C-alpha atoms as a PDB file:
ATOM      1  CA  MET A   1     -17.253  52.256  -6.470  1.00  0.00           C
ATOM      2  CA  PRO A   2     -13.920  52.799  -5.854  1.00  0.00           C
ATOM      3  CA  LYS A   3     -11.595  52.328  -8.758  1.00  0.00           C
ATOM      4  CA  VAL A   4     -11.695  48.778  -9.238  1.00  0.00           C
ATOM      5  CA  GLU A   5     -10.620  45.666 -12.600  1.00  0.00           C
ATOM      6  CA  LEU A   6     -13.066  43.148 -11.188  1.00  0.00           C
ATOM      7  CA  SER A   7     -13.059  40.682 -14.467  1.00  0.00           C
ATOM      8  CA  PRO A   8     -16.762  39.994 -15.952  1.00  0.00           C
ATOM      9  CA  ARG A   9     -17.112  36.924 -13.800  1.00  0.00           C
ATOM     10  CA  GLU A  10     -16.665  38.291 -10.513  1.00  0.00           C
ATOM     11  CA  LEU A  11     -18.803  41.283 -11.835  1.00  0.00           C
ATOM     12  CA  GLU A  12     -22.158  38.542 -12.493  1.00  0.00           C
ATOM     13  CA  VAL A  13     -20.422  37.566  -8.860  1.00  0.00           C
ATOM     14  CA  LEU A  14     -20.643  40.533  -6.816  1.00  0.00           C
ATOM     15  CA  LYS A  15     -24.143  41.475  -8.921  1.00  0.00           C
ATOM     16  CA  LEU A  16     -25.685  38.313  -6.842  1.00  0.00           C
ATOM     17  CA  ILE A  17     -24.177  38.553  -3.401  1.00  0.00           C
ATOM     18  CA  ALA A  18     -25.707  42.338  -3.765  1.00  0.00           C
ATOM     19  CA  GLU A  19     -29.516  40.560  -4.671  1.00  0.00           C
ATOM     20  CA  GLY A  20     -28.884  38.752  -1.210  1.00  0.00           C
ATOM     21  CA  HIS A  21     -27.709  35.278  -3.000  1.00  0.00           C
ATOM     22  CA  SER A  22     -25.389  32.868  -0.841  1.00  0.00           C
ATOM     23  CA  ASN A  23     -22.975  30.218  -1.964  1.00  0.00           C
ATOM     24  CA  ALA A  24     -24.588  28.044  -2.498  1.00  0.00           C
ATOM     25  CA  GLU A  25     -27.482  30.101  -4.600  1.00  0.00           C
ATOM     26  CA  ILE A  26     -25.146  31.458  -6.590  1.00  0.00           C
ATOM     27  CA  ALA A  27     -22.871  28.435  -7.555  1.00  0.00           C
ATOM     28  CA  SER A  28     -26.768  27.033  -8.737  1.00  0.00           C
ATOM     29  CA  ILE A  29     -26.808  30.136 -10.815  1.00  0.00           C
ATOM     30  CA  LEU A  30     -23.472  29.949 -12.178  1.00  0.00           C
ATOM     31  CA  TYR A  31     -23.568  26.504 -13.447  1.00  0.00           C
ATOM     32  CA  LEU A  32     -20.203  26.539 -10.827  1.00  0.00           C
ATOM     33  CA  SER A  33     -18.771  25.273  -8.010  1.00  0.00           C
ATOM     34  CA  PRO A  34     -19.444  25.667  -4.579  1.00  0.00           C
ATOM     35  CA  ASN A  35     -15.174  26.266  -3.988  1.00  0.00           C
ATOM     36  CA  THR A  36     -15.417  28.297  -7.322  1.00  0.00           C
ATOM     37  CA  ILE A  37     -17.860  31.034  -6.192  1.00  0.00           C
ATOM     38  CA  LYS A  38     -16.065  31.627  -3.284  1.00  0.00           C
ATOM     39  CA  THR A  39     -12.381  31.727  -4.137  1.00  0.00           C
ATOM     40  CA  HIS A  40     -14.470  34.587  -6.369  1.00  0.00           C
ATOM     41  CA  VAL A  41     -15.965  36.357  -3.586  1.00  0.00           C
ATOM     42  CA  ARG A  42     -12.613  36.274  -1.644  1.00  0.00           C
ATOM     43  CA  SER A  43     -11.277  38.007  -4.805  1.00  0.00           C
ATOM     44  CA  VAL A  44     -13.999  40.439  -5.461  1.00  0.00           C
ATOM     45  CA  LEU A  45     -13.554  41.429  -1.069  1.00  0.00           C
ATOM     46  CA  ASN A  46      -9.671  42.465  -1.935  1.00  0.00           C
ATOM     47  CA  LYS A  47      -9.914  43.948  -5.211  1.00  0.00           C
ATOM     48  CA  LEU A  48     -12.478  45.823  -2.981  1.00  0.00           C
ATOM     49  CA  GLY A  49     -11.172  46.731   0.575  1.00  0.00           C
ATOM     50  CA  VAL A  50     -14.088  45.141   2.444  1.00  0.00           C
ATOM     51  CA  ASN A  51     -14.259  42.673   5.210  1.00  0.00           C
ATOM     52  CA  HIS A  52     -17.439  40.950   4.621  1.00  0.00           C
ATOM     53  CA  ARG A  53     -19.743  39.767   1.809  1.00  0.00           C
ATOM     54  CA  VAL A  54     -22.095  42.633   3.343  1.00  0.00           C
ATOM     55  CA  GLU A  55     -19.658  45.780   2.545  1.00  0.00           C
ATOM     56  CA  ALA A  56     -19.361  44.786  -0.773  1.00  0.00           C
ATOM     57  CA  ALA A  57     -23.540  43.931  -1.070  1.00  0.00           C
ATOM     58  CA  VAL A  58     -23.124  48.053   0.003  1.00  0.00           C
ATOM     59  CA  LEU A  59     -20.708  49.411  -2.627  1.00  0.00           C
ATOM     60  CA  ALA A  60     -22.486  47.870  -4.842  1.00  0.00           C
ATOM     61  CA  VAL A  61     -25.495  48.921  -4.142  1.00  0.00           C
ATOM     62  CA  ARG A  62     -24.787  52.720  -4.003  1.00  0.00           C
ATOM     63  CA  HIS A  63     -22.596  52.635  -7.539  1.00  0.00           C
ATOM     64  CA  GLY A  64     -26.177  50.760  -9.037  1.00  0.00           C
ATOM     65  CA  LEU A  65     -24.649  47.435  -9.717  1.00  0.00           C
END
């Protein structure tokens, strides 16, 4: 993965994205609102420099998350 500083929460969200969870599922798992999850997902995508959650998931899996 590119040298990126993800917050602990963003890292949790990325791991759940890589496991195939939807935003609604992630919100339920982390006890957060779906809008909060959307914000975290957007931040993760921006920091990783990717356009889609699938690209983020591929990066995460390739780097052992």
